[in-house]
Amino acid sequence: MKIVKTIFGRTEDGKDISAYTLENASGMKVTVSEFGGIVSSIIVPDKNGKMQDVVLGYDSAAPYFENNEFFGATIGRSANRVAGASFELDGQRIELPRNEGDNNLHSDSGKGFHKRLWTAGLDEGRNSVVLSYVSPDMENGFPGTLDMHVTFSLTDDNSLVIHYEGVSDRKTLINCTNHSYFNLSGNGSSILDHRIQIFASHFTPVDAGLIPTGEIAEVKGTAFDFQDPVRIGEHIDDDIEQLRYTGGFDHNFVLDEPGGLIAAVEDEGSGRRMEVYTDLPGVQFYAGNFIRDGLKGKDGLTYGKRSGLCLETQYFPNSVNQEGFKSPVFDAGVRYDTSTTYKFMVV
């Protein structure tokens, strides 16, 4: 196991941006950038031993300064959507940036965690890089000074473990995720032939603004039934209201057994399989419906609609405003502590 530090680019005000490549005994590599806590590369073997990058992104830091797709990003303080870009906390109305119509998406497109320069520390014994950031009181509207740490560890069983820890000095909302787009073919082609399984018997339907209605609906007999492996393209263009709203799959799934295996994706051509584990209650399956066609990515690849998929572990979208959803609000001094694992293998 080893960790290699490189210069990934410079910030707009001239500060160096370092990236850290973790490598394990079998040759798997994961690269994480100080800028945005971005997972810029995951290199794993296919069934023939060929090593390829299975996440979308860019070759250097500069394109991530825009990054409208949120490729690889650490999202915070609040992942996904908050209705009306506001919520009430102990009788006080908290206002967030309105960056998706009247709603808030991923905290702030220009000033969220994915646009901050984090401080890196290494734990070579654990093959880990620890990124730290102190989010000041009222940054992007969120109360409390939040001391945040995200640890990226690469294990010898080809698992990327992402551990989030944070403590605020005021009651606040904390709901982070990683926004990597996976394509197990390694060539940036469509993910419609990937097969996906999500261990969730329910999902949260959305309204036209992509905000959960509050209903927890059964997936059985619907296009959202991934309890057994299903080809992603099989129902993604079904003419139903939920898919018209989102342009394809972009929904939160209510996990049956958080703490264990919650989803799996396979690509028959490469033989690669990815398993996802988390202790969080939900996962957003997003099929890359709004990736811009013709987008120039790394390694000379061109991306387009549905060339990558996301499995974003999370508290449910808008859960801060829905009494029936598990709350992402943490009291002062109470630790936010959660882990998600992406494990790779061949089948």
Foldseek 3Di string as FASTA:
>chain_A
DDKDKDFQDADPVGHTKIKIWFAAPLGWIWIAILQQRFGAFTWDAFPVGDTFTFWWFARGCVVLQQPPVQARGKFDQDAAKAPQQWFDDPNDIFHADCDQPSMDHRLDNNQTSNRDRWDWDDDVVQSKIKTWDWDDACDRRWGFTKTKIWMWGADNLQKTKIKIKIFTQFKTFGKIWTWIWGDVVRALDAQQQKKKAFQFQWWFFADLSRAGPLDTGGCPPHPNHRNDIDRQNPCQPPPDDRSVSVVGAFTKGFHPDAQAWGMKIADVVRQKMKTKHWNAGIWTKDQQQPDPFQPQTYPRHGHHRRSTIGTIGTFHHNQSVHPVGDGRIDGHPDMDIIMMMIGMDGD
